[in-house]
């Protein structure tokens, strides 16, 4: 049966277990050349397919094309007839070479890019600010009090930094809602580095980005290695695509194909179904999509169940994998 909405951390935000990651809407603007430029019509199709599949939230960032992703998301949501408050928007502040003073100084631009939609979740994109975690969380708390954002989260924070961010926000009477990290069948570091344990203890939601290891879990590169030549930009240098990594991840792909066939599901859809069920309500996922068909398939992962034996089998076959 379809999965119900989940509470994001200890906030009042209710999100679908699968959202849409919007890095690919960067339009190759600024320094961001990771993804090819997508036609506006394709972006419209991706967002529409996500909405039709039950997705109610979208994750973007300042760094995704210097606001290009935020602007594209706003445009297509308006074309889709979505009013402010009908969907949930998460975006991120880029801390690199900045101090915490940059949070209030740049929030106006974020709101402008996303207008008319409010920022429901604002995240520190990664560690690296010139300011301490305390100063950044104090700035985030001020933005919440000023109603510039609804909730505060972080991204790419380790367990120690996440605990510190939680503590500093708690001093202001606010929860740390989420930590966005890489997570999926081929990337299970959160189980070993303390992030998952801390999230469960503190009531913080883990937002899993790259849950399909940027397409590897679809099996398309295992079936036809020549497709590796189609990967553009810096993306082609990721460890996901090395021949040795593809060879070692083959048992995971085979298991996904076998289990998926029982449900009429693709390997990618099966991998997402595992991810948003195996960890309970603690983990939600934001796969990206460069085609509407991918977005529809991703959303459909919320609509079928895996048995406990199937969940356990995928757990066992992927547990010791690392890139």
Protein backbone atom coordinates (compact mmCIF):
# COMPACT_ATOMS: atom_id res chain seq x y z
CA UNK A 1 0.00 0.00 0.00
CA UNK A 2 1.21 3.58 -0.61
CA UNK A 3 3.38 5.03 2.12
CA UNK A 4 1.85 7.86 4.18
CA UNK A 5 3.38 11.30 4.63
CA UNK A 6 6.12 11.57 7.24
CA UNK A 7 6.86 14.29 9.74
CA UNK A 8 10.13 16.03 8.94
CA UNK A 9 12.08 15.84 12.17
CA UNK A 10 10.21 17.48 15.02
CA UNK A 11 8.63 20.10 12.78
CA UNK A 12 5.05 20.40 11.57
CA UNK A 13 6.10 19.70 7.97
CA UNK A 14 4.63 16.53 6.47
CA UNK A 15 6.54 15.24 3.45
CA UNK A 16 6.18 12.34 1.06
CA UNK A 17 8.85 9.66 1.70
CA UNK A 18 10.25 10.52 -1.72
CA UNK A 19 10.82 14.11 -2.85
CA UNK A 20 12.52 15.47 -5.95
CA UNK A 21 16.14 16.58 -5.91
CA UNK A 22 16.59 19.53 -8.29
CA UNK A 23 20.37 19.85 -8.79
CA UNK A 24 19.85 18.89 -12.44
CA UNK A 25 17.90 22.12 -13.01
CA UNK A 26 21.13 24.15 -12.70
CA UNK A 27 21.13 24.86 -16.45
CA UNK A 28 24.94 24.81 -16.48
CA UNK A 29 24.92 28.33 -15.06
CA UNK A 30 27.85 29.70 -13.09
CA UNK A 31 30.50 27.18 -12.09
CA UNK A 32 27.99 24.33 -12.00
CA UNK A 33 28.64 22.19 -15.09
CA UNK A 34 27.82 18.85 -13.49
CA UNK A 35 24.58 18.22 -15.40
CA UNK A 36 23.59 18.95 -19.02
CA UNK A 37 21.23 21.84 -19.65
CA UNK A 38 17.60 20.70 -19.60
CA UNK A 39 14.92 22.22 -21.85
CA UNK A 40 12.17 24.00 -19.92
CA UNK A 41 9.60 21.55 -21.29
CA UNK A 42 11.59 18.64 -19.84
CA UNK A 43 11.72 20.30 -16.43
CA UNK A 44 7.97 20.85 -16.60
CA UNK A 45 7.48 17.16 -17.35
CA UNK A 46 9.74 16.05 -14.50
CA UNK A 47 7.93 18.19 -11.95
CA UNK A 48 4.49 17.22 -13.28
CA UNK A 49 5.33 13.51 -13.13
CA UNK A 50 6.58 13.92 -9.57
CA UNK A 51 3.42 15.71 -8.49
CA UNK A 52 1.23 13.13 -10.22
CA UNK A 53 3.11 10.37 -8.38
CA UNK A 54 2.42 11.84 -4.94
CA UNK A 55 5.61 13.85 -4.38
CA UNK A 56 4.86 16.96 -2.31
CA UNK A 57 8.30 18.47 -1.77
CA UNK A 58 11.31 19.65 -3.74
CA UNK A 59 14.93 20.19 -2.72
CA UNK A 60 17.10 22.79 -4.42
CA UNK A 61 20.00 25.08 -3.45
CA UNK A 62 21.67 28.42 -3.99
CA UNK A 63 24.70 26.60 -5.39
CA UNK A 64 22.68 24.84 -8.08
CA UNK A 65 23.47 27.25 -10.90
CA UNK A 66 23.62 30.32 -8.65
CA UNK A 67 19.85 30.22 -8.21
CA UNK A 68 19.00 28.79 -11.65
CA UNK A 69 17.51 25.64 -10.12
CA UNK A 70 15.41 27.64 -7.66
CA UNK A 71 14.10 29.89 -10.43
CA UNK A 72 13.28 26.99 -12.73
CA UNK A 73 11.49 25.14 -9.94
CA UNK A 74 9.39 28.20 -9.13
CA UNK A 75 8.46 28.76 -12.77
CA UNK A 76 7.32 25.21 -13.44
CA UNK A 77 5.42 24.89 -10.17
CA UNK A 78 3.50 28.02 -11.08
CA UNK A 79 2.79 26.59 -14.54
CA UNK A 80 1.55 23.42 -12.82
CA UNK A 81 -0.94 25.55 -10.89
CA UNK A 82 0.58 24.95 -7.47
CA UNK A 83 -0.11 27.72 -4.99
CA UNK A 84 2.17 28.67 -2.07
CA UNK A 85 1.49 26.31 0.80
CA UNK A 86 0.38 23.44 -1.43
CA UNK A 87 3.89 22.04 -1.76
CA UNK A 88 7.01 22.11 0.42
CA UNK A 89 10.25 23.79 -0.68
CA UNK A 90 13.68 23.04 0.75
CA UNK A 91 16.75 24.99 -0.31
CA UNK A 92 20.30 25.47 0.93
CA UNK A 93 22.75 28.25 1.78
CA UNK A 94 26.31 27.90 0.47
CA UNK A 95 28.72 28.55 3.38
CA UNK A 96 32.01 28.29 1.47
CA UNK A 97 34.24 31.34 2.10
CA UNK A 98 31.41 33.04 4.02
CA UNK A 99 30.54 33.89 7.58
CA UNK A 100 27.19 33.40 9.29
CA UNK A 101 26.40 37.03 8.47
CA UNK A 102 25.82 35.81 4.93
CA UNK A 103 22.67 33.98 6.00
CA UNK A 104 20.52 37.08 6.66
CA UNK A 105 22.32 39.00 3.91
CA UNK A 106 21.42 36.51 1.17
CA UNK A 107 18.01 35.23 2.30
CA UNK A 108 16.26 37.93 0.27
CA UNK A 109 17.80 36.58 -2.93
CA UNK A 110 16.70 33.03 -2.08
CA UNK A 111 13.15 34.21 -1.49
CA UNK A 112 13.25 36.22 -4.71
CA UNK A 113 14.40 33.21 -6.75
CA UNK A 114 11.70 30.98 -5.27
CA UNK A 115 8.87 33.54 -5.22
CA UNK A 116 5.99 33.20 -4.67
CA UNK A 117 6.85 30.07 -2.67
CA UNK A 118 8.15 30.34 0.90
CA UNK A 119 11.21 28.51 2.19
CA UNK A 120 9.91 25.69 4.35
CA UNK A 121 13.30 24.14 5.07
CA UNK A 122 16.58 26.09 4.91
CA UNK A 123 19.77 24.06 5.15
CA UNK A 124 23.46 24.77 5.62
CA UNK A 125 24.78 23.06 2.49
CA UNK A 126 27.90 21.65 4.10
CA UNK A 127 30.51 22.47 6.75
CA UNK A 128 33.03 25.06 5.63
CA UNK A 129 31.85 28.45 6.82
CA UNK A 130 34.35 30.84 8.38
CA UNK A 131 31.89 31.03 11.30
CA UNK A 132 31.30 28.44 13.99
CA UNK A 133 28.36 26.09 13.96
CA UNK A 134 26.94 28.06 16.89
CA UNK A 135 27.00 31.33 14.94
CA UNK A 136 25.37 29.70 11.93
CA UNK A 137 22.60 28.18 14.03
CA UNK A 138 22.01 31.49 15.79
CA UNK A 139 21.58 33.11 12.36
CA UNK A 140 19.20 30.35 11.30
CA UNK A 141 17.16 30.80 14.48
CA UNK A 142 16.85 34.51 13.72
CA UNK A 143 15.54 33.72 10.24
CA UNK A 144 12.90 31.43 11.76
CA UNK A 145 11.86 34.10 14.28
CA UNK A 146 11.64 36.67 11.50
CA UNK A 147 9.47 34.22 9.51
CA UNK A 148 11.91 34.25 6.60
CA UNK A 149 12.05 30.43 6.83
CA UNK A 150 9.94 27.83 8.63
CA UNK A 151 12.58 25.28 9.70
CA UNK A 152 16.34 24.83 9.88
CA UNK A 153 18.40 21.87 8.71
CA UNK A 154 21.94 20.96 7.73
CA UNK A 155 23.57 18.94 4.98
CA UNK A 156 26.71 16.81 4.88
CA UNK A 157 27.23 17.19 8.63
CA UNK A 158 28.91 14.38 10.56
CA UNK A 159 27.44 13.07 13.79
CA UNK A 160 29.44 15.42 16.03
CA UNK A 161 28.60 18.55 14.02
CA UNK A 162 24.96 17.50 13.74
CA UNK A 163 24.70 17.06 17.50
CA UNK A 164 26.25 20.50 18.00
CA UNK A 165 23.83 22.12 15.55
CA UNK A 166 20.93 20.43 17.33
CA UNK A 167 22.17 21.69 20.71
CA UNK A 168 22.58 25.29 19.58
CA UNK A 169 19.14 25.43 17.96
CA UNK A 170 17.61 23.85 21.07
CA UNK A 171 18.99 26.76 23.10
CA UNK A 172 16.80 28.98 20.91
CA UNK A 173 13.83 26.67 21.45
CA UNK A 174 13.97 25.24 17.92
CA UNK A 175 14.57 21.76 16.52
CA UNK A 176 17.21 20.77 14.00
CA UNK A 177 14.82 19.23 11.52
CA UNK A 178 17.11 17.36 9.12
CA UNK A 179 20.55 16.39 7.92
CA UNK A 180 20.90 15.78 4.19
CA UNK A 181 23.57 13.22 3.37
CA UNK A 182 24.47 10.74 0.67
CA UNK A 183 22.70 7.46 1.39
CA UNK A 184 21.45 4.41 -0.48
CA UNK A 185 22.05 0.71 -1.02
CA UNK A 186 25.58 1.43 -2.24
CA UNK A 187 26.32 4.12 0.34
CA UNK A 188 25.46 3.07 3.88
CA UNK A 189 28.03 5.14 5.77
CA UNK A 190 25.35 6.61 8.07
CA UNK A 191 25.11 3.24 9.80
CA UNK A 192 28.81 3.29 10.72
CA UNK A 193 29.67 6.95 11.32
CA UNK A 194 27.11 7.68 14.02
CA UNK A 195 24.82 9.86 11.90
CA UNK A 196 21.91 7.40 11.86
CA UNK A 197 22.13 6.70 15.59
CA UNK A 198 22.25 10.42 16.42
CA UNK A 199 19.33 11.17 14.09
CA UNK A 200 17.17 8.53 15.74
CA UNK A 201 18.14 9.69 19.21
CA UNK A 202 17.45 13.37 18.50
CA UNK A 203 14.41 13.04 16.24
CA UNK A 204 16.21 14.35 13.15
CA UNK A 205 15.18 13.21 9.67
CA UNK A 206 17.89 11.99 7.32
CA UNK A 207 17.33 13.27 3.78
CA UNK A 208 19.10 10.85 1.44
CA UNK A 209 20.61 12.45 -1.65
CA UNK A 210 22.09 10.40 -4.51
CA UNK A 211 19.98 7.44 -3.33
CA UNK A 212 20.52 5.69 -6.67
CA UNK A 213 24.26 6.48 -6.74
CA UNK A 214 23.57 8.79 -9.69
CA UNK A 215 21.94 6.13 -11.82
CA UNK A 216 24.16 3.16 -11.02
CA UNK A 217 21.36 1.34 -9.19
CA UNK A 218 19.24 1.46 -12.34
CA UNK A 219 21.58 -1.22 -13.74
CA UNK A 220 21.89 0.65 -17.03
CA UNK A 221 25.69 0.89 -16.80
CA UNK A 222 26.03 -2.76 -15.82
CA UNK A 223 23.90 -3.87 -18.76
CA UNK A 224 25.63 -1.62 -21.29
CA UNK A 225 29.01 -0.28 -20.08
CA UNK A 226 29.28 1.80 -23.26
CA UNK A 227 26.68 4.12 -21.70
CA UNK A 228 29.44 5.40 -19.45
CA UNK A 229 30.62 7.42 -22.45
CA UNK A 230 27.34 9.38 -22.35
CA UNK A 231 28.05 10.82 -18.89
CA UNK A 232 28.92 14.51 -19.18
CA UNK A 233 31.09 16.94 -17.26
CA UNK A 234 32.70 16.25 -13.90
CA UNK A 235 30.08 13.61 -13.15
CA UNK A 236 31.99 11.03 -15.21
CA UNK A 237 34.84 11.02 -12.67
CA UNK A 238 32.73 9.82 -9.75
CA UNK A 239 33.79 6.55 -8.14
CA UNK A 240 30.35 5.15 -8.89
CA UNK A 241 31.32 4.54 -12.51
CA UNK A 242 34.71 2.86 -12.17
CA UNK A 243 34.85 -0.58 -13.74
CA UNK A 244 35.90 -2.18 -10.47
CA UNK A 245 33.01 -0.55 -8.60
CA UNK A 246 30.53 -1.71 -11.24
CA UNK A 247 31.90 -5.24 -11.02
CA UNK A 248 31.60 -5.33 -7.23
CA UNK A 249 28.11 -3.84 -7.23
CA UNK A 250 26.82 -6.43 -9.72
CA UNK A 251 25.36 -8.71 -6.96
CA UNK A 252 23.27 -5.76 -5.72
CA UNK A 253 21.94 -5.09 -9.22
CA UNK A 254 21.14 -8.78 -9.73
CA UNK A 255 19.21 -8.86 -6.44
CA UNK A 256 17.30 -5.69 -7.39
CA UNK A 257 16.36 -7.18 -10.75
CA UNK A 258 15.18 -10.44 -9.19
CA UNK A 259 13.10 -8.77 -6.47
CA UNK A 260 11.84 -6.03 -8.74
CA UNK A 261 10.59 -8.57 -11.29
CA UNK A 262 8.23 -9.99 -8.66
CA UNK A 263 6.62 -6.57 -8.29
CA UNK A 264 6.80 -5.40 -11.88
CA UNK A 265 9.34 -2.78 -10.79
CA UNK A 266 12.66 -1.60 -12.18
CA UNK A 267 15.89 -2.00 -10.18
CA UNK A 268 15.93 1.76 -9.45
CA UNK A 269 12.37 1.77 -8.18
CA UNK A 270 13.10 -1.28 -6.03
CA UNK A 271 16.22 0.37 -4.57
CA UNK A 272 14.19 3.43 -3.57
CA UNK A 273 11.44 1.26 -2.10
CA UNK A 274 14.07 -0.43 0.08
CA UNK A 275 15.61 2.86 1.21
CA UNK A 276 12.40 4.53 2.39
CA UNK A 277 11.29 1.39 4.24
CA UNK A 278 14.43 -0.20 5.69
CA UNK A 279 15.26 2.65 8.08
CA UNK A 280 11.65 3.32 9.05
CA UNK A 281 10.45 6.92 9.15
CA UNK A 282 13.95 8.29 9.85
CA UNK A 283 15.05 8.36 6.20
CA UNK A 284 13.38 10.08 3.25
CA UNK A 285 14.93 10.29 -0.21
CA UNK A 286 15.34 12.93 -2.92
CA UNK A 287 16.34 11.20 -6.15
CA UNK A 288 16.90 13.47 -9.10
CA UNK A 289 15.55 12.92 -12.61
CA UNK A 290 16.50 14.19 -16.05
CA UNK A 291 13.40 12.72 -17.72
CA UNK A 292 9.74 12.65 -16.76
CA UNK A 293 9.73 8.85 -16.99
CA UNK A 294 12.45 8.67 -14.35
CA UNK A 295 10.52 10.99 -12.04
CA UNK A 296 7.38 8.88 -12.43
CA UNK A 297 9.29 5.69 -11.69
CA UNK A 298 10.93 7.22 -8.63
CA UNK A 299 7.61 8.35 -7.21
CA UNK A 300 6.10 4.92 -7.85
CA UNK A 301 8.54 3.45 -5.32
CA UNK A 302 6.15 4.74 -2.65
CA UNK A 303 3.31 2.64 -4.04
CA UNK A 304 4.43 -0.97 -3.51
CA UNK A 305 5.70 -2.95 -0.54
CA UNK A 306 8.72 -5.18 -0.13
CA UNK A 307 8.45 -8.19 2.15
CA UNK A 308 10.63 -8.45 5.23
CA UNK A 309 12.63 -11.20 3.50
CA UNK A 310 13.20 -8.96 0.48
CA UNK A 311 14.30 -6.06 2.67
CA UNK A 312 16.68 -8.35 4.55
CA UNK A 313 18.12 -9.85 1.37
CA UNK A 314 18.95 -6.44 -0.08
CA UNK A 315 20.42 -5.47 3.28
CA UNK A 316 22.75 -8.48 3.29
CA UNK A 317 23.88 -8.20 -0.33
CA UNK A 318 24.74 -4.49 -0.04
CA UNK A 319 25.95 -4.21 3.55
CA UNK A 320 29.69 -4.48 2.93
CA UNK A 321 29.88 -2.56 -0.34
CA UNK A 322 31.92 0.64 -0.50
CA UNK A 323 33.29 2.71 -3.37
